[in-house]
């Protein structure tokens, strides 16, 4: 999903009561997983999937996302995204 610089609006993620503390590492990872599971089931255009995308792209360092993408492509990501 490419980001269009002309229409991009910076938005911070909404509060998620599952992750109440300052450290948002788990929120980042769970949003990445939730996004890919959602896309596998509903497709990229499904609006709730876009919320997960915005959340993990806002919270996760780019290096982590690239590493996770590489792991998924190699079939070595530790979480099953089909479920």
N, C-alpha and C. Protein backbone atom coordinates (compact mmCIF):
# COMPACT_ATOMS: atom_id res chain seq x y z
N UNK A 1 0.86 -1.15 0.00
CA UNK A 1 0.00 0.00 0.00
C UNK A 1 0.91 1.23 0.00
N UNK A 2 0.97 1.94 -1.11
CA UNK A 2 1.82 3.12 -1.22
C UNK A 2 1.15 4.34 -0.59
N UNK A 3 1.98 5.22 -0.07
CA UNK A 3 1.48 6.44 0.56
C UNK A 3 1.66 7.59 -0.42
N UNK A 4 0.57 8.27 -0.72
CA UNK A 4 0.60 9.41 -1.63
C UNK A 4 0.96 10.67 -0.84
N UNK A 5 2.11 11.30 -1.12
CA UNK A 5 2.53 12.47 -0.35
C UNK A 5 1.58 13.66 -0.49
N UNK A 6 0.83 13.71 -1.55
CA UNK A 6 -0.09 14.83 -1.77
C UNK A 6 -1.29 14.77 -0.83
N UNK A 7 -1.76 13.56 -0.53
CA UNK A 7 -2.97 13.41 0.28
C UNK A 7 -2.70 12.86 1.67
N UNK A 8 -1.42 12.62 2.00
CA UNK A 8 -1.07 12.03 3.28
C UNK A 8 -1.43 12.97 4.42
N UNK A 9 -2.08 12.42 5.43
CA UNK A 9 -2.42 13.18 6.64
C UNK A 9 -1.85 12.41 7.82
N UNK A 10 -0.98 13.05 8.60
CA UNK A 10 -0.39 12.40 9.76
C UNK A 10 -1.46 12.21 10.81
N UNK A 11 -1.62 10.97 11.25
CA UNK A 11 -2.63 10.62 12.23
C UNK A 11 -2.00 9.68 13.24
N UNK A 12 -2.15 9.96 14.51
CA UNK A 12 -1.63 9.04 15.52
C UNK A 12 -2.67 7.98 15.82
N UNK A 13 -2.23 6.80 16.24
CA UNK A 13 -3.18 5.73 16.54
C UNK A 13 -4.06 6.09 17.73
N UNK A 14 -5.25 5.55 17.73
CA UNK A 14 -6.17 5.76 18.85
C UNK A 14 -5.71 4.92 20.04
N UNK A 15 -6.18 5.29 21.21
CA UNK A 15 -5.86 4.55 22.41
C UNK A 15 -6.41 3.14 22.30
N UNK A 16 -5.60 2.17 22.66
CA UNK A 16 -6.02 0.77 22.67
C UNK A 16 -5.86 0.25 24.10
N UNK A 17 -6.95 -0.07 24.80
CA UNK A 17 -6.86 -0.47 26.20
C UNK A 17 -6.07 -1.77 26.42
N UNK A 18 -5.81 -2.52 25.35
CA UNK A 18 -4.99 -3.73 25.51
C UNK A 18 -3.54 -3.38 25.77
N UNK A 19 -3.14 -2.13 25.43
CA UNK A 19 -1.76 -1.69 25.57
C UNK A 19 -1.73 -0.34 26.29
N UNK A 20 -1.99 -0.33 27.61
CA UNK A 20 -2.19 0.93 28.33
C UNK A 20 -0.91 1.69 28.70
N UNK A 21 0.24 1.10 28.56
CA UNK A 21 1.46 1.73 29.04
C UNK A 21 2.20 2.44 27.91
N UNK A 22 3.23 3.19 28.25
CA UNK A 22 3.96 3.97 27.26
C UNK A 22 4.64 3.12 26.20
N UNK A 23 5.23 2.01 26.61
CA UNK A 23 5.95 1.16 25.67
C UNK A 23 4.94 0.55 24.69
N UNK A 24 5.04 0.90 23.43
CA UNK A 24 4.06 0.48 22.43
C UNK A 24 4.57 -0.65 21.53
N UNK A 25 5.62 -1.35 21.98
CA UNK A 25 6.20 -2.43 21.17
C UNK A 25 5.17 -3.51 20.86
N UNK A 26 4.44 -3.97 21.86
CA UNK A 26 3.44 -5.02 21.64
C UNK A 26 2.31 -4.51 20.76
N UNK A 27 1.91 -3.26 20.93
CA UNK A 27 0.86 -2.66 20.11
C UNK A 27 1.31 -2.63 18.65
N UNK A 28 2.57 -2.27 18.42
CA UNK A 28 3.14 -2.24 17.08
C UNK A 28 3.06 -3.63 16.44
N UNK A 29 3.61 -4.63 17.14
CA UNK A 29 3.67 -5.99 16.59
C UNK A 29 2.27 -6.56 16.37
N UNK A 30 1.36 -6.36 17.33
CA UNK A 30 0.01 -6.91 17.18
C UNK A 30 -0.74 -6.24 16.04
N UNK A 31 -0.53 -4.95 15.83
CA UNK A 31 -1.19 -4.25 14.72
C UNK A 31 -0.67 -4.75 13.37
N UNK A 32 0.64 -5.04 13.30
CA UNK A 32 1.22 -5.60 12.07
C UNK A 32 0.57 -6.96 11.76
N UNK A 33 0.48 -7.80 12.77
CA UNK A 33 -0.12 -9.12 12.60
C UNK A 33 -1.60 -9.00 12.24
N UNK A 34 -2.33 -8.16 12.96
CA UNK A 34 -3.76 -7.98 12.70
C UNK A 34 -4.01 -7.46 11.29
N UNK A 35 -3.16 -6.54 10.83
CA UNK A 35 -3.32 -6.01 9.47
C UNK A 35 -3.20 -7.13 8.44
N UNK A 36 -2.15 -7.92 8.53
CA UNK A 36 -1.94 -8.96 7.52
C UNK A 36 -2.98 -10.07 7.61
N UNK A 37 -3.43 -10.39 8.80
CA UNK A 37 -4.52 -11.37 8.92
C UNK A 37 -5.81 -10.81 8.30
N UNK A 38 -6.08 -9.54 8.55
CA UNK A 38 -7.28 -8.89 8.02
C UNK A 38 -7.24 -8.85 6.50
N UNK A 39 -6.09 -8.48 5.94
CA UNK A 39 -5.95 -8.42 4.48
C UNK A 39 -6.13 -9.80 3.86
N UNK A 40 -5.60 -10.83 4.52
CA UNK A 40 -5.75 -12.19 3.99
C UNK A 40 -7.22 -12.62 3.93
N UNK A 41 -8.03 -12.12 4.86
CA UNK A 41 -9.43 -12.51 4.92
C UNK A 41 -10.32 -11.57 4.11
N UNK A 42 -10.13 -10.25 4.27
CA UNK A 42 -11.06 -9.27 3.70
C UNK A 42 -10.51 -8.46 2.53
N UNK A 43 -9.19 -8.38 2.36
CA UNK A 43 -8.60 -7.59 1.29
C UNK A 43 -8.16 -6.21 1.79
N UNK A 44 -7.27 -5.58 1.02
CA UNK A 44 -6.67 -4.30 1.43
C UNK A 44 -7.66 -3.15 1.52
N UNK A 45 -8.73 -3.20 0.78
CA UNK A 45 -9.67 -2.07 0.75
C UNK A 45 -10.68 -2.09 1.90
N UNK A 46 -10.68 -3.13 2.70
CA UNK A 46 -11.60 -3.23 3.84
C UNK A 46 -11.17 -2.19 4.89
N UNK A 47 -12.07 -1.29 5.25
CA UNK A 47 -11.73 -0.14 6.10
C UNK A 47 -11.08 -0.50 7.45
N UNK A 48 -11.58 -1.50 8.20
CA UNK A 48 -10.89 -1.84 9.45
C UNK A 48 -9.43 -2.28 9.24
N UNK A 49 -9.12 -2.89 8.10
CA UNK A 49 -7.72 -3.26 7.82
C UNK A 49 -6.85 -2.00 7.72
N UNK A 50 -7.41 -0.95 7.16
CA UNK A 50 -6.65 0.30 7.01
C UNK A 50 -6.29 0.90 8.36
N UNK A 51 -7.13 0.69 9.36
CA UNK A 51 -6.83 1.19 10.71
C UNK A 51 -5.60 0.48 11.26
N UNK A 52 -5.53 -0.84 11.09
CA UNK A 52 -4.34 -1.59 11.53
C UNK A 52 -3.10 -1.11 10.78
N UNK A 53 -3.25 -0.85 9.48
CA UNK A 53 -2.12 -0.37 8.68
C UNK A 53 -1.60 0.96 9.20
N UNK A 54 -2.51 1.89 9.44
CA UNK A 54 -2.11 3.20 9.96
C UNK A 54 -1.44 3.07 11.32
N UNK A 55 -1.94 2.16 12.14
CA UNK A 55 -1.38 1.99 13.47
C UNK A 55 0.03 1.43 13.42
N UNK A 56 0.24 0.34 12.67
CA UNK A 56 1.59 -0.23 12.69
C UNK A 56 2.59 0.63 11.93
N UNK A 57 2.16 1.35 10.89
CA UNK A 57 3.11 2.23 10.20
C UNK A 57 3.46 3.44 11.06
N UNK A 58 2.59 3.80 11.97
CA UNK A 58 2.87 4.92 12.86
C UNK A 58 3.75 4.50 14.04
N UNK A 59 3.53 3.30 14.57
CA UNK A 59 4.23 2.87 15.78
C UNK A 59 5.52 2.10 15.52
N UNK A 60 5.59 1.33 14.45
CA UNK A 60 6.72 0.42 14.24
C UNK A 60 7.88 1.09 13.51
N UNK A 61 9.10 0.82 13.97
CA UNK A 61 10.27 1.28 13.20
C UNK A 61 10.30 0.60 11.83
N UNK A 62 10.72 1.32 10.82
CA UNK A 62 10.75 0.80 9.46
C UNK A 62 11.62 -0.45 9.35
N UNK A 63 12.72 -0.50 10.09
CA UNK A 63 13.59 -1.69 10.06
C UNK A 63 12.85 -2.94 10.50
N UNK A 64 12.01 -2.83 11.51
CA UNK A 64 11.24 -3.98 11.99
C UNK A 64 10.28 -4.46 10.91
N UNK A 65 9.57 -3.50 10.30
CA UNK A 65 8.58 -3.86 9.28
C UNK A 65 9.26 -4.54 8.10
N UNK A 66 10.40 -4.01 7.67
CA UNK A 66 11.13 -4.62 6.56
C UNK A 66 11.60 -6.03 6.91
N UNK A 67 12.08 -6.22 8.14
CA UNK A 67 12.53 -7.55 8.57
C UNK A 67 11.35 -8.52 8.61
N UNK A 68 10.22 -8.05 9.16
CA UNK A 68 9.03 -8.91 9.22
C UNK A 68 8.53 -9.25 7.83
N UNK A 69 8.56 -8.28 6.91
CA UNK A 69 8.14 -8.54 5.53
C UNK A 69 9.04 -9.59 4.88
N UNK A 70 10.35 -9.47 5.13
CA UNK A 70 11.30 -10.46 4.59
C UNK A 70 11.02 -11.85 5.18
N UNK A 71 10.75 -11.90 6.48
CA UNK A 71 10.44 -13.18 7.13
C UNK A 71 9.16 -13.79 6.56
N UNK A 72 8.15 -12.96 6.34
CA UNK A 72 6.89 -13.47 5.77
C UNK A 72 7.12 -14.00 4.37
N UNK A 73 7.92 -13.27 3.57
CA UNK A 73 8.19 -13.69 2.19
C UNK A 73 8.96 -15.01 2.17
N UNK A 74 9.83 -15.22 3.15
CA UNK A 74 10.62 -16.45 3.21
C UNK A 74 9.86 -17.58 3.92
N UNK A 75 8.66 -17.29 4.43
CA UNK A 75 7.88 -18.30 5.14
C UNK A 75 8.42 -18.59 6.53
N UNK A 76 9.15 -17.65 7.11
CA UNK A 76 9.76 -17.87 8.42
C UNK A 76 9.22 -16.94 9.50
N UNK A 77 8.14 -16.25 9.21
CA UNK A 77 7.55 -15.37 10.24
C UNK A 77 6.95 -16.26 11.32
N UNK A 78 7.18 -15.94 12.61
CA UNK A 78 6.77 -16.84 13.68
C UNK A 78 5.26 -16.94 13.95
N UNK A 79 4.46 -16.16 13.24
CA UNK A 79 3.01 -16.19 13.46
C UNK A 79 2.34 -16.63 12.16
N UNK A 80 1.37 -17.53 12.28
CA UNK A 80 0.61 -17.99 11.12
C UNK A 80 -0.40 -16.90 10.74
N UNK A 81 -0.26 -16.31 9.59
CA UNK A 81 -1.13 -15.22 9.14
C UNK A 81 -2.40 -15.72 8.46
N UNK A 82 -2.53 -17.01 8.28
CA UNK A 82 -3.72 -17.56 7.59
C UNK A 82 -4.90 -17.71 8.52
N UNK A 83 -4.67 -17.75 9.82
CA UNK A 83 -5.76 -17.99 10.76
C UNK A 83 -6.55 -16.75 11.02
